[in-house]
Amino acid sequence: TWLFQIAKNTCLDFLRKRKNKVAPDSISEEQMLNELEKIVDHRPLPQEIFDAQNFSNSLQEILDGLSQKYRIVTSLHLQQDLTFEEIAGILNEPLNTVKSRYRRALLLIKSHLSKN
């Protein structure tokens, strides 16, 4: 019942903020439910936050386990949002070498994730 009361109050607050002023007492329950369906909370649920954090920790452990040549390319591309051309310039490596290392790193990450 407390959840319904919170939802009802949220709906009434929403209706009060709207241009067409509607007296809360004149709203039927059906109208209230229709308006309530329009209210959407886009924030993630606590379980989703927990799962994302666990996945992030697992992914970081996998990245830490990669050899340095794969870890650097993956980190620069995914975390620093650098293009492969930029990474090739930074590392002074051919572009195809950087692309190849990135692809191999992704395959290693995928194989580790499939084991878990």
PDB file of N, CA and C in Angstrom:
ATOM      1  N   THR A   1       0.823  -1.204   0.000  1.00  0.00           N
ATOM      2  CA  THR A   1       0.000   0.000   0.000  1.00  0.00           C
ATOM      3  C   THR A   1       0.862   1.262   0.000  1.00  0.00           C
ATOM      4  N   TRP A   2       2.022   1.202   0.651  1.00  0.00           N
ATOM      5  CA  TRP A   2       2.875   2.393   0.677  1.00  0.00           C
ATOM      6  C   TRP A   2       3.416   2.708  -0.706  1.00  0.00           C
ATOM      7  N   LEU A   3       3.676   1.670  -1.522  1.00  0.00           N
ATOM      8  CA  LEU A   3       4.170   1.885  -2.872  1.00  0.00           C
ATOM      9  C   LEU A   3       3.093   2.561  -3.720  1.00  0.00           C
ATOM     10  N   PHE A   4       1.838   2.125  -3.547  1.00  0.00           N
ATOM     11  CA  PHE A   4       0.748   2.761  -4.279  1.00  0.00           C
ATOM     12  C   PHE A   4       0.603   4.214  -3.846  1.00  0.00           C
ATOM     13  N   GLN A   5       0.763   4.499  -2.574  1.00  0.00           N
ATOM     14  CA  GLN A   5       0.643   5.873  -2.079  1.00  0.00           C
ATOM     15  C   GLN A   5       1.744   6.756  -2.669  1.00  0.00           C
ATOM     16  N   ILE A   6       2.964   6.218  -2.749  1.00  0.00           N
ATOM     17  CA  ILE A   6       4.063   6.973  -3.354  1.00  0.00           C
ATOM     18  C   ILE A   6       3.759   7.246  -4.826  1.00  0.00           C
ATOM     19  N   ALA A   7       3.281   6.214  -5.514  1.00  0.00           N
ATOM     20  CA  ALA A   7       2.939   6.371  -6.927  1.00  0.00           C
ATOM     21  C   ALA A   7       1.812   7.385  -7.105  1.00  0.00           C
ATOM     22  N   LYS A   8       0.831   7.311  -6.251  1.00  0.00           N
ATOM     23  CA  LYS A   8      -0.299   8.246  -6.322  1.00  0.00           C
ATOM     24  C   LYS A   8       0.180   9.671  -6.101  1.00  0.00           C
ATOM     25  N   ASN A   9       1.011   9.885  -5.088  1.00  0.00           N
ATOM     26  CA  ASN A   9       1.512  11.230  -4.811  1.00  0.00           C
ATOM     27  C   ASN A   9       2.394  11.748  -5.951  1.00  0.00           C
ATOM     28  N   THR A  10       3.198  10.861  -6.532  1.00  0.00           N
ATOM     29  CA  THR A  10       4.029  11.253  -7.664  1.00  0.00           C
ATOM     30  C   THR A  10       3.163  11.667  -8.839  1.00  0.00           C
ATOM     31  N   CYS A  11       2.128  10.905  -9.072  1.00  0.00           N
ATOM     32  CA  CYS A  11       1.205  11.220 -10.163  1.00  0.00           C
ATOM     33  C   CYS A  11       0.508  12.551  -9.919  1.00  0.00           C
ATOM     34  N   LEU A  12       0.065  12.767  -8.703  1.00  0.00           N
ATOM     35  CA  LEU A  12      -0.603  14.023  -8.375  1.00  0.00           C
ATOM     36  C   LEU A  12       0.353  15.207  -8.518  1.00  0.00           C
ATOM     37  N   ASP A  13       1.596  15.041  -8.107  1.00  0.00           N
ATOM     38  CA  ASP A  13       2.586  16.098  -8.281  1.00  0.00           C
ATOM     39  C   ASP A  13       2.794  16.401  -9.762  1.00  0.00           C
ATOM     40  N   PHE A  14       2.843  15.343 -10.559  1.00  0.00           N
ATOM     41  CA  PHE A  14       3.010  15.494 -12.002  1.00  0.00           C
ATOM     42  C   PHE A  14       1.835  16.281 -12.589  1.00  0.00           C
ATOM     43  N   LEU A  15       0.631  15.926 -12.181  1.00  0.00           N
ATOM     44  CA  LEU A  15      -0.556  16.605 -12.702  1.00  0.00           C
ATOM     45  C   LEU A  15      -0.614  18.058 -12.252  1.00  0.00           C
ATOM     46  N   ARG A  16      -0.144  18.339 -11.047  1.00  0.00           N
ATOM     47  CA  ARG A  16      -0.145  19.721 -10.549  1.00  0.00           C
ATOM     48  C   ARG A  16       0.796  20.600 -11.370  1.00  0.00           C
ATOM     49  N   LYS A  17       1.856  20.025 -11.871  1.00  0.00           N
ATOM     50  CA  LYS A  17       2.838  20.786 -12.642  1.00  0.00           C
ATOM     51  C   LYS A  17       2.385  21.038 -14.077  1.00  0.00           C
ATOM     52  N   ARG A  18       1.418  20.292 -14.537  1.00  0.00           N
ATOM     53  CA  ARG A  18       0.938  20.448 -15.906  1.00  0.00           C
ATOM     54  C   ARG A  18       0.150  21.732 -16.055  1.00  0.00           C
ATOM     55  N   LYS A  19       0.056  22.192 -17.285  1.00  0.00           N
ATOM     56  CA  LYS A  19      -0.629  23.449 -17.588  1.00  0.00           C
ATOM     57  C   LYS A  19      -2.122  23.396 -17.258  1.00  0.00           C
ATOM     58  N   ASN A  20      -2.771  22.333 -17.695  1.00  0.00           N
ATOM     59  CA  ASN A  20      -4.202  22.241 -17.442  1.00  0.00           C
ATOM     60  C   ASN A  20      -4.410  21.806 -15.988  1.00  0.00           C
ATOM     61  N   LYS A  21      -4.765  22.751 -15.186  1.00  0.00           N
ATOM     62  CA  LYS A  21      -4.931  22.505 -13.752  1.00  0.00           C
ATOM     63  C   LYS A  21      -6.151  21.603 -13.532  1.00  0.00           C
ATOM     64  N   VAL A  22      -5.894  20.467 -12.955  1.00  0.00           N
ATOM     65  CA  VAL A  22      -6.947  19.509 -12.652  1.00  0.00           C
ATOM     66  C   VAL A  22      -6.973  19.330 -11.144  1.00  0.00           C
ATOM     67  N   ALA A  23      -8.132  19.448 -10.572  1.00  0.00           N
ATOM     68  CA  ALA A  23      -8.251  19.255  -9.132  1.00  0.00           C
ATOM     69  C   ALA A  23      -8.013  17.787  -8.811  1.00  0.00           C
ATOM     70  N   PRO A  24      -7.110  17.479  -7.866  1.00  0.00           N
ATOM     71  CA  PRO A  24      -6.799  16.087  -7.559  1.00  0.00           C
ATOM     72  C   PRO A  24      -8.014  15.253  -7.162  1.00  0.00           C
ATOM     73  N   ASP A  25      -8.994  15.885  -6.533  1.00  0.00           N
ATOM     74  CA  ASP A  25     -10.174  15.131  -6.110  1.00  0.00           C
ATOM     75  C   ASP A  25     -11.051  14.724  -7.285  1.00  0.00           C
ATOM     76  N   SER A  26     -10.926  15.445  -8.411  1.00  0.00           N
ATOM     77  CA  SER A  26     -11.787  15.139  -9.556  1.00  0.00           C
ATOM     78  C   SER A  26     -11.158  14.084 -10.476  1.00  0.00           C
ATOM     79  N   ILE A  27      -9.984  13.593 -10.141  1.00  0.00           N
ATOM     80  CA  ILE A  27      -9.305  12.604 -10.980  1.00  0.00           C
ATOM     81  C   ILE A  27      -9.768  11.210 -10.579  1.00  0.00           C
ATOM     82  N   SER A  28     -10.207  10.455 -11.572  1.00  0.00           N
ATOM     83  CA  SER A  28     -10.594   9.079 -11.285  1.00  0.00           C
ATOM     84  C   SER A  28      -9.332   8.226 -11.182  1.00  0.00           C
ATOM     85  N   GLU A  29      -9.480   7.075 -10.601  1.00  0.00           N
ATOM     86  CA  GLU A  29      -8.329   6.182 -10.446  1.00  0.00           C
ATOM     87  C   GLU A  29      -7.798   5.750 -11.808  1.00  0.00           C
ATOM     88  N   GLU A  30      -8.700   5.551 -12.768  1.00  0.00           N
ATOM     89  CA  GLU A  30      -8.285   5.157 -14.110  1.00  0.00           C
ATOM     90  C   GLU A  30      -7.457   6.269 -14.771  1.00  0.00           C
ATOM     91  N   GLN A  31      -7.905   7.523 -14.630  1.00  0.00           N
ATOM     92  CA  GLN A  31      -7.139   8.638 -15.180  1.00  0.00           C
ATOM     93  C   GLN A  31      -5.776   8.739 -14.501  1.00  0.00           C
ATOM     94  N   MET A  32      -5.770   8.502 -13.202  1.00  0.00           N
ATOM     95  CA  MET A  32      -4.528   8.571 -12.453  1.00  0.00           C
ATOM     96  C   MET A  32      -3.553   7.497 -12.944  1.00  0.00           C
ATOM     97  N   LEU A  33      -4.048   6.290 -13.173  1.00  0.00           N
ATOM     98  CA  LEU A  33      -3.194   5.210 -13.662  1.00  0.00           C
ATOM     99  C   LEU A  33      -2.675   5.501 -15.071  1.00  0.00           C
ATOM    100  N   ASN A  34      -3.526   6.105 -15.910  1.00  0.00           N
ATOM    101  CA  ASN A  34      -3.092   6.474 -17.256  1.00  0.00           C
ATOM    102  C   ASN A  34      -1.973   7.508 -17.208  1.00  0.00           C
ATOM    103  N   GLU A  35      -2.118   8.492 -16.345  1.00  0.00           N
ATOM    104  CA  GLU A  35      -1.073   9.502 -16.196  1.00  0.00           C
ATOM    105  C   GLU A  35       0.183   8.907 -15.567  1.00  0.00           C
ATOM    106  N   LEU A  36       0.001   7.979 -14.656  1.00  0.00           N
ATOM    107  CA  LEU A  36       1.130   7.355 -13.974  1.00  0.00           C
ATOM    108  C   LEU A  36       1.992   6.563 -14.958  1.00  0.00           C
ATOM    109  N   GLU A  37       1.351   5.966 -15.973  1.00  0.00           N
ATOM    110  CA  GLU A  37       2.097   5.207 -16.966  1.00  0.00           C
ATOM    111  C   GLU A  37       3.011   6.097 -17.792  1.00  0.00           C
ATOM    112  N   LYS A  38       2.736   7.385 -17.842  1.00  0.00           N
ATOM    113  CA  LYS A  38       3.557   8.314 -18.613  1.00  0.00           C
ATOM    114  C   LYS A  38       4.837   8.694 -17.867  1.00  0.00           C
ATOM    115  N   ILE A  39       4.872   8.454 -16.574  1.00  0.00           N
ATOM    116  CA  ILE A  39       6.040   8.795 -15.775  1.00  0.00           C
ATOM    117  C   ILE A  39       7.029   7.639 -15.861  1.00  0.00           C
ATOM    118  N   VAL A  40       8.229   7.937 -16.326  1.00  0.00           N
ATOM    119  CA  VAL A  40       9.241   6.907 -16.510  1.00  0.00           C
ATOM    120  C   VAL A  40      10.499   7.307 -15.758  1.00  0.00           C
ATOM    121  N   ASP A  41      11.039   6.379 -15.015  1.00  0.00           N
ATOM    122  CA  ASP A  41      12.297   6.589 -14.317  1.00  0.00           C
ATOM    123  C   ASP A  41      13.382   5.888 -15.120  1.00  0.00           C
ATOM    124  N   HIS A  42      14.285   6.670 -15.701  1.00  0.00           N
ATOM    125  CA  HIS A  42      15.311   6.111 -16.566  1.00  0.00           C
ATOM    126  C   HIS A  42      16.561   5.686 -15.802  1.00  0.00           C
ATOM    127  N   ARG A  43      16.574   5.886 -14.515  1.00  0.00           N
ATOM    128  CA  ARG A  43      17.743   5.483 -13.727  1.00  0.00           C
ATOM    129  C   ARG A  43      17.795   3.965 -13.622  1.00  0.00           C
ATOM    130  N   PRO A  44      19.010   3.399 -13.606  1.00  0.00           N
ATOM    131  CA  PRO A  44      19.114   1.936 -13.505  1.00  0.00           C
ATOM    132  C   PRO A  44      18.675   1.440 -12.128  1.00  0.00           C
ATOM    133  N   LEU A  45      18.202   0.220 -12.105  1.00  0.00           N
ATOM    134  CA  LEU A  45      17.804  -0.417 -10.859  1.00  0.00           C
ATOM    135  C   LEU A  45      19.053  -0.789 -10.056  1.00  0.00           C
ATOM    136  N   PRO A  46      18.932  -0.928  -8.736  1.00  0.00           N
ATOM    137  CA  PRO A  46      20.106  -1.301  -7.935  1.00  0.00           C
ATOM    138  C   PRO A  46      20.780  -2.587  -8.403  1.00  0.00           C
ATOM    139  N   GLN A  47      20.004  -3.587  -8.802  1.00  0.00           N
ATOM    140  CA  GLN A  47      20.588  -4.835  -9.281  1.00  0.00           C
ATOM    141  C   GLN A  47      21.385  -4.611 -10.568  1.00  0.00           C
ATOM    142  N   GLU A  48      20.884  -3.738 -11.438  1.00  0.00           N
ATOM    143  CA  GLU A  48      21.606  -3.433 -12.672  1.00  0.00           C
ATOM    144  C   GLU A  48      22.929  -2.739 -12.361  1.00  0.00           C
ATOM    145  N   ILE A  49      22.924  -1.842 -11.390  1.00  0.00           N
ATOM    146  CA  ILE A  49      24.152  -1.157 -10.987  1.00  0.00           C
ATOM    147  C   ILE A  49      25.143  -2.162 -10.428  1.00  0.00           C
ATOM    148  N   PHE A  50      24.665  -3.061  -9.592  1.00  0.00           N
ATOM    149  CA  PHE A  50      25.521  -4.087  -8.988  1.00  0.00           C
ATOM    150  C   PHE A  50      26.111  -5.000 -10.060  1.00  0.00           C
ATOM    151  N   ASP A  51      25.277  -5.442 -10.997  1.00  0.00           N
ATOM    152  CA  ASP A  51      25.747  -6.318 -12.072  1.00  0.00           C
ATOM    153  C   ASP A  51      26.776  -5.607 -12.953  1.00  0.00           C
ATOM    154  N   ALA A  52      26.521  -4.345 -13.255  1.00  0.00           N
ATOM    155  CA  ALA A  52      27.464  -3.586 -14.078  1.00  0.00           C
ATOM    156  C   ALA A  52      28.798  -3.419 -13.364  1.00  0.00           C
ATOM    157  N   GLN A  53      28.753  -3.188 -12.059  1.00  0.00           N
ATOM    158  CA  GLN A  53      29.989  -3.037 -11.287  1.00  0.00           C
ATOM    159  C   GLN A  53      30.764  -4.351 -11.249  1.00  0.00           C
ATOM    160  N   ASN A  54      30.054  -5.452 -11.054  1.00  0.00           N
ATOM    161  CA  ASN A  54      30.716  -6.760 -11.062  1.00  0.00           C
ATOM    162  C   ASN A  54      31.345  -7.058 -12.420  1.00  0.00           C
ATOM    163  N   PHE A  55      30.620  -6.736 -13.500  1.00  0.00           N
ATOM    164  CA  PHE A  55      31.158  -6.952 -14.836  1.00  0.00           C
ATOM    165  C   PHE A  55      32.376  -6.073 -15.069  1.00  0.00           C
ATOM    166  N   SER A  56      32.294  -4.836 -14.614  1.00  0.00           N
ATOM    167  CA  SER A  56      33.416  -3.912 -14.765  1.00  0.00           C
ATOM    168  C   SER A  56      34.647  -4.424 -14.024  1.00  0.00           C
ATOM    169  N   ASN A  57      34.443  -4.932 -12.821  1.00  0.00           N
ATOM    170  CA  ASN A  57      35.566  -5.491 -12.057  1.00  0.00           C
ATOM    171  C   ASN A  57      36.162  -6.713 -12.748  1.00  0.00           C
ATOM    172  N   SER A  58      35.299  -7.583 -13.274  1.00  0.00           N
ATOM    173  CA  SER A  58      35.773  -8.773 -13.983  1.00  0.00           C
ATOM    174  C   SER A  58      36.545  -8.383 -15.237  1.00  0.00           C
ATOM    175  N   LEU A  59      36.019  -7.419 -15.959  1.00  0.00           N
ATOM    176  CA  LEU A  59      36.681  -6.971 -17.173  1.00  0.00           C
ATOM    177  C   LEU A  59      38.037  -6.348 -16.853  1.00  0.00           C
ATOM    178  N   GLN A  60      38.105  -5.579 -15.785  1.00  0.00           N
ATOM    179  CA  GLN A  60      39.379  -4.967 -15.395  1.00  0.00           C
ATOM    180  C   GLN A  60      40.403  -6.033 -15.023  1.00  0.00           C
ATOM    181  N   GLU A  61      39.969  -7.088 -14.332  1.00  0.00           N
ATOM    182  CA  GLU A  61      40.875  -8.191 -13.997  1.00  0.00           C
ATOM    183  C   GLU A  61      41.389  -8.882 -15.259  1.00  0.00           C
ATOM    184  N   ILE A  62      40.508  -9.067 -16.232  1.00  0.00           N
ATOM    185  CA  ILE A  62      40.926  -9.684 -17.493  1.00  0.00           C
ATOM    186  C   ILE A  62      41.920  -8.791 -18.215  1.00  0.00           C
ATOM    187  N   LEU A  63      41.632  -7.486 -18.271  1.00  0.00           N
ATOM    188  CA  LEU A  63      42.543  -6.547 -18.927  1.00  0.00           C
ATOM    189  C   LEU A  63      43.900  -6.526 -18.237  1.00  0.00           C
ATOM    190  N   ASP A  64      43.894  -6.577 -16.910  1.00  0.00           N
ATOM    191  CA  ASP A  64      45.153  -6.594 -16.169  1.00  0.00           C
ATOM    192  C   ASP A  64      45.967  -7.854 -16.464  1.00  0.00           C
ATOM    193  N   GLY A  65      45.282  -8.929 -16.832  1.00  0.00           N
ATOM    194  CA  GLY A  65      45.956 -10.190 -17.120  1.00  0.00           C
ATOM    195  C   GLY A  65      46.511 -10.284 -18.537  1.00  0.00           C
ATOM    196  N   LEU A  66      46.121  -9.346 -19.409  1.00  0.00           N
ATOM    197  CA  LEU A  66      46.634  -9.364 -20.779  1.00  0.00           C
ATOM    198  C   LEU A  66      48.093  -8.921 -20.798  1.00  0.00           C
ATOM    199  N   SER A  67      48.808  -9.345 -21.829  1.00  0.00           N
ATOM    200  CA  SER A  67      50.186  -8.874 -21.967  1.00  0.00           C
ATOM    201  C   SER A  67      50.157  -7.374 -22.271  1.00  0.00           C
ATOM    202  N   GLN A  68      51.260  -6.718 -22.009  1.00  0.00           N
ATOM    203  CA  GLN A  68      51.311  -5.260 -22.088  1.00  0.00           C
ATOM    204  C   GLN A  68      50.957  -4.744 -23.487  1.00  0.00           C
ATOM    205  N   LYS A  69      51.410  -5.414 -24.528  1.00  0.00           N
ATOM    206  CA  LYS A  69      51.149  -4.923 -25.885  1.00  0.00           C
ATOM    207  C   LYS A  69      49.652  -4.926 -26.219  1.00  0.00           C
ATOM    208  N   TYR A  70      48.918  -5.906 -25.698  1.00  0.00           N
ATOM    209  CA  TYR A  70      47.470  -5.938 -25.917  1.00  0.00           C
ATOM    210  C   TYR A  70      46.747  -4.965 -24.989  1.00  0.00           C
ATOM    211  N   ARG A  71      47.199  -4.901 -23.754  1.00  0.00           N
ATOM    212  CA  ARG A  71      46.556  -4.046 -22.760  1.00  0.00           C
ATOM    213  C   ARG A  71      46.652  -2.572 -23.155  1.00  0.00           C
ATOM    214  N   ILE A  72      47.808  -2.148 -23.665  1.00  0.00           N
ATOM    215  CA  ILE A  72      47.988  -0.743 -24.036  1.00  0.00           C
ATOM    216  C   ILE A  72      47.052  -0.358 -25.178  1.00  0.00           C
ATOM    217  N   VAL A  73      47.017  -1.185 -26.216  1.00  0.00           N
ATOM    218  CA  VAL A  73      46.160  -0.881 -27.367  1.00  0.00           C
ATOM    219  C   VAL A  73      44.691  -0.856 -26.958  1.00  0.00           C
ATOM    220  N   THR A  74      44.283  -1.835 -26.186  1.00  0.00           N
ATOM    221  CA  THR A  74      42.885  -1.913 -25.744  1.00  0.00           C
ATOM    222  C   THR A  74      42.526  -0.725 -24.858  1.00  0.00           C
ATOM    223  N   SER A  75      43.402  -0.393 -23.940  1.00  0.00           N
ATOM    224  CA  SER A  75      43.151   0.722 -23.034  1.00  0.00           C
ATOM    225  C   SER A  75      43.065   2.045 -23.787  1.00  0.00           C
ATOM    226  N   LEU A  76      43.991   2.280 -24.687  1.00  0.00           N
ATOM    227  CA  LEU A  76      43.975   3.532 -25.444  1.00  0.00           C
ATOM    228  C   LEU A  76      42.730   3.651 -26.309  1.00  0.00           C
ATOM    229  N   HIS A  77      42.303   2.545 -26.887  1.00  0.00           N
ATOM    230  CA  HIS A  77      41.132   2.603 -27.763  1.00  0.00           C
ATOM    231  C   HIS A  77      39.822   2.691 -26.978  1.00  0.00           C
ATOM    232  N   LEU A  78      39.660   1.862 -25.959  1.00  0.00           N
ATOM    233  CA  LEU A  78      38.383   1.812 -25.246  1.00  0.00           C
ATOM    234  C   LEU A  78      38.248   2.884 -24.169  1.00  0.00           C
ATOM    235  N   GLN A  79      39.305   3.133 -23.433  1.00  0.00           N
ATOM    236  CA  GLN A  79      39.205   4.061 -22.308  1.00  0.00           C
ATOM    237  C   GLN A  79      39.546   5.498 -22.696  1.00  0.00           C
ATOM    238  N   GLN A  80      40.472   5.662 -23.635  1.00  0.00           N
ATOM    239  CA  GLN A  80      40.877   7.005 -24.041  1.00  0.00           C
ATOM    240  C   GLN A  80      40.184   7.464 -25.326  1.00  0.00           C
ATOM    241  N   ASP A  81      39.402   6.569 -25.935  1.00  0.00           N
ATOM    242  CA  ASP A  81      38.670   6.865 -27.177  1.00  0.00           C
ATOM    243  C   ASP A  81      39.578   7.335 -28.314  1.00  0.00           C
ATOM    244  N   LEU A  82      40.766   6.760 -28.388  1.00  0.00           N
ATOM    245  CA  LEU A  82      41.676   7.108 -29.470  1.00  0.00           C
ATOM    246  C   LEU A  82      41.411   6.210 -30.674  1.00  0.00           C
ATOM    247  N   THR A  83      41.633   6.740 -31.862  1.00  0.00           N
ATOM    248  CA  THR A  83      41.488   5.939 -33.075  1.00  0.00           C
ATOM    249  C   THR A  83      42.727   5.060 -33.228  1.00  0.00           C
ATOM    250  N   PHE A  84      42.619   4.068 -34.102  1.00  0.00           N
ATOM    251  CA  PHE A  84      43.760   3.194 -34.335  1.00  0.00           C
ATOM    252  C   PHE A  84      44.930   3.968 -34.950  1.00  0.00           C
ATOM    253  N   GLU A  85      44.610   4.956 -35.779  1.00  0.00           N
ATOM    254  CA  GLU A  85      45.661   5.783 -36.371  1.00  0.00           C
ATOM    255  C   GLU A  85      46.414   6.556 -35.287  1.00  0.00           C
ATOM    256  N   GLU A  86      45.676   7.122 -34.337  1.00  0.00           N
ATOM    257  CA  GLU A  86      46.314   7.852 -33.241  1.00  0.00           C
ATOM    258  C   GLU A  86      47.173   6.925 -32.382  1.00  0.00           C
ATOM    259  N   ILE A  87      46.648   5.739 -32.116  1.00  0.00           N
ATOM    260  CA  ILE A  87      47.399   4.770 -31.301  1.00  0.00           C
ATOM    261  C   ILE A  87      48.672   4.355 -32.030  1.00  0.00           C
ATOM    262  N   ALA A  88      48.570   4.133 -33.345  1.00  0.00           N
ATOM    263  CA  ALA A  88      49.750   3.757 -34.131  1.00  0.00           C
ATOM    264  C   ALA A  88      50.810   4.852 -34.056  1.00  0.00           C
ATOM    265  N   GLY A  89      50.370   6.111 -34.091  1.00  0.00           N
ATOM    266  CA  GLY A  89      51.310   7.220 -33.984  1.00  0.00           C
ATOM    267  C   GLY A  89      51.961   7.291 -32.617  1.00  0.00           C
ATOM    268  N   ILE A  90      51.176   7.075 -31.578  1.00  0.00           N
ATOM    269  CA  ILE A  90      51.706   7.123 -30.208  1.00  0.00           C
ATOM    270  C   ILE A  90      52.719   6.007 -29.975  1.00  0.00           C
ATOM    271  N   LEU A  91      52.379   4.807 -30.426  1.00  0.00           N
ATOM    272  CA  LEU A  91      53.235   3.645 -30.185  1.00  0.00           C
ATOM    273  C   LEU A  91      54.342   3.498 -31.231  1.00  0.00           C
ATOM    274  N   ASN A  92      54.267   4.328 -32.272  1.00  0.00           N
ATOM    275  CA  ASN A  92      55.228   4.246 -33.372  1.00  0.00           C
ATOM    276  C   ASN A  92      55.240   2.834 -33.974  1.00  0.00           C
ATOM    277  N   GLU A  93      54.034   2.324 -34.203  1.00  0.00           N
ATOM    278  CA  GLU A  93      53.828   0.988 -34.774  1.00  0.00           C
ATOM    279  C   GLU A  93      52.999   1.130 -36.050  1.00  0.00           C
ATOM    280  N   PRO A  94      53.091   0.175 -36.970  1.00  0.00           N
ATOM    281  CA  PRO A  94      52.227   0.211 -38.159  1.00  0.00           C
ATOM    282  C   PRO A  94      50.751   0.078 -37.760  1.00  0.00           C
ATOM    283  N   LEU A  95      49.894   0.705 -38.562  1.00  0.00           N
ATOM    284  CA  LEU A  95      48.460   0.696 -38.291  1.00  0.00           C
ATOM    285  C   LEU A  95      47.905  -0.723 -38.223  1.00  0.00           C
ATOM    286  N   ASN A  96      48.305  -1.588 -39.152  1.00  0.00           N
ATOM    287  CA  ASN A  96      47.787  -2.960 -39.166  1.00  0.00           C
ATOM    288  C   ASN A  96      48.232  -3.751 -37.936  1.00  0.00           C
ATOM    289  N   THR A  97      49.389  -3.444 -37.401  1.00  0.00           N
ATOM    290  CA  THR A  97      49.848  -4.106 -36.179  1.00  0.00           C
ATOM    291  C   THR A  97      48.947  -3.731 -35.011  1.00  0.00           C
ATOM    292  N   VAL A  98      48.599  -2.452 -34.924  1.00  0.00           N
ATOM    293  CA  VAL A  98      47.717  -1.979 -33.849  1.00  0.00           C
ATOM    294  C   VAL A  98      46.349  -2.640 -33.967  1.00  0.00           C
ATOM    295  N   LYS A  99      45.807  -2.683 -35.177  1.00  0.00           N
ATOM    296  CA  LYS A  99      44.502  -3.322 -35.397  1.00  0.00           C
ATOM    297  C   LYS A  99      44.547  -4.802 -35.039  1.00  0.00           C
ATOM    298  N   SER A 100      45.630  -5.463 -35.422  1.00  0.00           N
ATOM    299  CA  SER A 100      45.780  -6.883 -35.143  1.00  0.00           C
ATOM    300  C   SER A 100      45.847  -7.142 -33.638  1.00  0.00           C
ATOM    301  N   ARG A 101      46.602  -6.329 -32.919  1.00  0.00           N
ATOM    302  CA  ARG A 101      46.704  -6.491 -31.466  1.00  0.00           C
ATOM    303  C   ARG A 101      45.361  -6.258 -30.792  1.00  0.00           C
ATOM    304  N   TYR A 102      44.627  -5.265 -31.276  1.00  0.00           N
ATOM    305  CA  TYR A 102      43.313  -4.984 -30.703  1.00  0.00           C
ATOM    306  C   TYR A 102      42.374  -6.169 -30.925  1.00  0.00           C
ATOM    307  N   ARG A 103      42.381  -6.708 -32.129  1.00  0.00           N
ATOM    308  CA  ARG A 103      41.504  -7.857 -32.429  1.00  0.00           C
ATOM    309  C   ARG A 103      41.885  -9.065 -31.581  1.00  0.00           C
ATOM    310  N   ARG A 104      43.180  -9.325 -31.443  1.00  0.00           N
ATOM    311  CA  ARG A 104      43.615 -10.450 -30.619  1.00  0.00           C
ATOM    312  C   ARG A 104      43.246 -10.237 -29.156  1.00  0.00           C
ATOM    313  N   ALA A 105      43.358  -9.004 -28.695  1.00  0.00           N
ATOM    314  CA  ALA A 105      42.976  -8.698 -27.310  1.00  0.00           C
ATOM    315  C   ALA A 105      41.493  -8.962 -27.101  1.00  0.00           C
ATOM    316  N   LEU A 106      40.663  -8.557 -28.057  1.00  0.00           N
ATOM    317  CA  LEU A 106      39.219  -8.807 -27.942  1.00  0.00           C
ATOM    318  C   LEU A 106      38.914 -10.301 -27.917  1.00  0.00           C
ATOM    319  N   LEU A 107      39.628 -11.060 -28.718  1.00  0.00           N
ATOM    320  CA  LEU A 107      39.421 -12.512 -28.716  1.00  0.00           C
ATOM    321  C   LEU A 107      39.826 -13.124 -27.375  1.00  0.00           C
ATOM    322  N   LEU A 108      40.924 -12.633 -26.791  1.00  0.00           N
ATOM    323  CA  LEU A 108      41.340 -13.117 -25.474  1.00  0.00           C
ATOM    324  C   LEU A 108      40.312 -12.759 -24.404  1.00  0.00           C
ATOM    325  N   ILE A 109      39.802 -11.526 -24.462  1.00  0.00           N
ATOM    326  CA  ILE A 109      38.792 -11.084 -23.502  1.00  0.00           C
ATOM    327  C   ILE A 109      37.539 -11.947 -23.644  1.00  0.00           C
ATOM    328  N   LYS A 110      37.140 -12.182 -24.888  1.00  0.00           N
ATOM    329  CA  LYS A 110      35.943 -13.005 -25.137  1.00  0.00           C
ATOM    330  C   LYS A 110      36.124 -14.415 -24.593  1.00  0.00           C
ATOM    331  N   SER A 111      37.290 -14.987 -24.801  1.00  0.00           N
ATOM    332  CA  SER A 111      37.511 -16.353 -24.295  1.00  0.00           C
ATOM    333  C   SER A 111      37.503 -16.389 -22.774  1.00  0.00           C
ATOM    334  N   HIS A 112      38.046 -15.376 -22.127  1.00  0.00           N
ATOM    335  CA  HIS A 112      38.008 -15.323 -20.654  1.00  0.00           C
ATOM    336  C   HIS A 112      36.576 -15.157 -20.144  1.00  0.00           C
ATOM    337  N   LEU A 113      35.804 -14.313 -20.813  1.00  0.00           N
ATOM    338  CA  LEU A 113      34.418 -14.095 -20.385  1.00  0.00           C
ATOM    339  C   LEU A 113      33.566 -15.346 -20.601  1.00  0.00           C
ATOM    340  N   SER A 114      33.832 -16.100 -21.651  1.00  0.00           N
ATOM    341  CA  SER A 114      33.041 -17.296 -21.896  1.00  0.00           C
ATOM    342  C   SER A 114      33.361 -18.396 -20.874  1.00  0.00           C
ATOM    343  N   LYS A 115      34.556 -18.361 -20.288  1.00  0.00           N
ATOM    344  CA  LYS A 115      34.917 -19.332 -19.253  1.00  0.00           C
ATOM    345  C   LYS A 115      34.149 -19.059 -17.961  1.00  0.00           C
ATOM    346  N   ASN A 116      33.828 -17.801 -17.720  1.00  0.00           N
ATOM    347  CA  ASN A 116      33.142 -17.419 -16.455  1.00  0.00           C
ATOM    348  C   ASN A 116      31.702 -17.531 -16.627  1.00  0.00           C
TER     349      ASN A 116
END
